[in-house]
Each structure stands twice: as structure tokens, then as C-alpha cells.
Amino acid sequence: MREAEFLSYENGFFTFLFENGEELVFDEVLPRVLKQFDLINDESLINKSFKITFIEVYDKNDEDSVIYRVESLKPL
């Protein structure tokens, strides 16, 4: 689990800023996470810090294509 600040949701992508200054854009957030934290509509979550767990999902047909998926969020 790493620490990250939620920056935005735009055009289907979720952007988080990690403690090391790295900005990462996520293609997916598990539905159970979105049920707990409405990152799409709740603007009060912008700039909130979370413990985040995520995975990289590689396309079987294209080794260079990777999707980042948020698996869990816990507020700090």
C-alpha cells in the first residue's frame, strides 16, 4: 500500500499524486471502491490523501499496453 492524493477524474481517468511526486493515471477503479468513495462525482474528495492499492493489468495481445486499476482506498 502506498500513499497518494486524489487529484481528478476526467474523461474516464482517475489521477493520483504519490508521496514521491509521481503522478499516475488510472483507467479503472473497482466498483466496490467507487461505492465507498464516489471519485467521479464527489468533488470534496479532490486533494484528499489515501492509502492506495493498485495493480497493473497487461493486455495479452500487446505487451506494451498496460492498464492501472485501483483495488482499494483507505482515507488517511
C-alpha atoms as a PDB file:
ATOM      1  CA  MET A   1       0.000   0.000   0.000  1.00  0.00           C
ATOM      2  CA  ARG A   2       1.235   3.447  -0.904  1.00  0.00           C
ATOM      3  CA  GLU A   3       0.093   6.953  -0.031  1.00  0.00           C
ATOM      4  CA  ALA A   4      -1.452   9.106  -2.750  1.00  0.00           C
ATOM      5  CA  GLU A   5      -3.559  12.224  -3.109  1.00  0.00           C
ATOM      6  CA  PHE A   6      -6.594  12.114  -5.392  1.00  0.00           C
ATOM      7  CA  LEU A   7      -6.230  14.898  -7.965  1.00  0.00           C
ATOM      8  CA  SER A   8      -9.013  14.478 -10.507  1.00  0.00           C
ATOM      9  CA  TYR A   9     -11.458  12.442 -12.518  1.00  0.00           C
ATOM     10  CA  GLU A  10     -11.628  13.454 -16.155  1.00  0.00           C
ATOM     11  CA  ASN A  11     -12.773  11.675 -19.313  1.00  0.00           C
ATOM     12  CA  GLY A  12     -12.909   8.294 -17.563  1.00  0.00           C
ATOM     13  CA  PHE A  13      -9.458   8.550 -15.945  1.00  0.00           C
ATOM     14  CA  PHE A  14      -8.550   8.935 -12.264  1.00  0.00           C
ATOM     15  CA  THR A  15      -5.357  10.839 -11.436  1.00  0.00           C
ATOM     16  CA  PHE A  16      -3.424  10.394  -8.183  1.00  0.00           C
ATOM     17  CA  LEU A  17      -0.239  12.066  -6.942  1.00  0.00           C
ATOM     18  CA  PHE A  18       2.042   9.775  -4.938  1.00  0.00           C
ATOM     19  CA  GLU A  19       4.263  10.700  -1.994  1.00  0.00           C
ATOM     20  CA  ASN A  20       7.369  10.527  -4.203  1.00  0.00           C
ATOM     21  CA  GLY A  21       5.950  13.159  -6.614  1.00  0.00           C
ATOM     22  CA  GLU A  22       4.931  10.606  -9.242  1.00  0.00           C
ATOM     23  CA  GLU A  23       1.581  11.275 -10.898  1.00  0.00           C
ATOM     24  CA  LEU A  24      -0.246   8.175 -12.098  1.00  0.00           C
ATOM     25  CA  VAL A  25      -3.419   7.946 -14.177  1.00  0.00           C
ATOM     26  CA  PHE A  26      -5.720   5.006 -13.520  1.00  0.00           C
ATOM     27  CA  ASP A  27      -8.019   3.572 -16.156  1.00  0.00           C
ATOM     28  CA  GLU A  28     -10.176   1.629 -13.695  1.00  0.00           C
ATOM     29  CA  VAL A  29     -11.374   1.689 -10.105  1.00  0.00           C
ATOM     30  CA  LEU A  30     -13.140  -1.369  -8.747  1.00  0.00           C
ATOM     31  CA  PRO A  31     -16.910  -0.812  -8.354  1.00  0.00           C
ATOM     32  CA  ARG A  32     -16.793  -1.588  -4.615  1.00  0.00           C
ATOM     33  CA  VAL A  33     -14.230   1.211  -4.184  1.00  0.00           C
ATOM     34  CA  LEU A  34     -16.396   3.657  -6.142  1.00  0.00           C
ATOM     35  CA  LYS A  35     -19.352   2.653  -3.983  1.00  0.00           C
ATOM     36  CA  GLN A  36     -17.343   3.637  -0.915  1.00  0.00           C
ATOM     37  CA  PHE A  37     -15.718   6.754  -2.429  1.00  0.00           C
ATOM     38  CA  ASP A  38     -17.580   8.458  -5.285  1.00  0.00           C
ATOM     39  CA  LEU A  39     -14.464   9.715  -7.041  1.00  0.00           C
ATOM     40  CA  ILE A  40     -16.483  10.536 -10.145  1.00  0.00           C
ATOM     41  CA  ASN A  41     -18.967  12.984  -8.588  1.00  0.00           C
ATOM     42  CA  ASP A  42     -17.805  13.966  -5.092  1.00  0.00           C
ATOM     43  CA  GLU A  43     -15.537  16.986  -5.505  1.00  0.00           C
ATOM     44  CA  SER A  44     -14.825  17.047  -1.765  1.00  0.00           C
ATOM     45  CA  LEU A  45     -12.511  14.048  -2.363  1.00  0.00           C
ATOM     46  CA  ILE A  46     -10.176  16.106  -4.556  1.00  0.00           C
ATOM     47  CA  ASN A  47      -6.839  16.660  -2.775  1.00  0.00           C
ATOM     48  CA  LYS A  48      -7.703  14.019  -0.151  1.00  0.00           C
ATOM     49  CA  SER A  49      -4.966  11.570   0.784  1.00  0.00           C
ATOM     50  CA  PHE A  50      -5.460   7.827   0.752  1.00  0.00           C
ATOM     51  CA  LYS A  51      -3.609   4.602   1.245  1.00  0.00           C
ATOM     52  CA  ILE A  52      -3.974   3.055  -2.193  1.00  0.00           C
ATOM     53  CA  THR A  53      -3.557  -0.462  -3.521  1.00  0.00           C
ATOM     54  CA  PHE A  54      -3.445  -0.944  -7.272  1.00  0.00           C
ATOM     55  CA  ILE A  55      -2.415  -3.441  -9.913  1.00  0.00           C
ATOM     56  CA  GLU A  56      -1.059  -3.283 -13.431  1.00  0.00           C
ATOM     57  CA  VAL A  57      -3.070  -5.287 -15.972  1.00  0.00           C
ATOM     58  CA  TYR A  58      -1.224  -6.136 -19.186  1.00  0.00           C
ATOM     59  CA  ASP A  59      -3.006  -6.741 -22.470  1.00  0.00           C
ATOM     60  CA  LYS A  60      -2.368 -10.324 -23.589  1.00  0.00           C
ATOM     61  CA  ASN A  61      -2.167  -9.207 -27.217  1.00  0.00           C
ATOM     62  CA  ASP A  62       0.026  -6.153 -26.667  1.00  0.00           C
ATOM     63  CA  GLU A  63       2.854  -6.343 -24.118  1.00  0.00           C
ATOM     64  CA  ASP A  64       3.301  -2.562 -24.240  1.00  0.00           C
ATOM     65  CA  SER A  65      -0.304  -1.871 -23.249  1.00  0.00           C
ATOM     66  CA  VAL A  66      -0.937  -1.647 -19.513  1.00  0.00           C
ATOM     67  CA  ILE A  67      -3.999  -0.585 -17.529  1.00  0.00           C
ATOM     68  CA  TYR A  68      -3.740   0.589 -13.933  1.00  0.00           C
ATOM     69  CA  ARG A  69      -6.618  -0.468 -11.667  1.00  0.00           C
ATOM     70  CA  VAL A  70      -7.314   0.812  -8.144  1.00  0.00           C
ATOM     71  CA  GLU A  71      -8.064  -2.177  -5.909  1.00  0.00           C
ATOM     72  CA  SER A  72      -8.597  -0.367  -2.591  1.00  0.00           C
ATOM     73  CA  LEU A  73      -8.557   3.046  -0.939  1.00  0.00           C
ATOM     74  CA  LYS A  74      -8.316   3.912   2.747  1.00  0.00           C
ATOM     75  CA  PRO A  75      -8.502   7.535   3.863  1.00  0.00           C
ATOM     76  CA  LEU A  76      -5.575   8.961   5.831  1.00  0.00           C
END
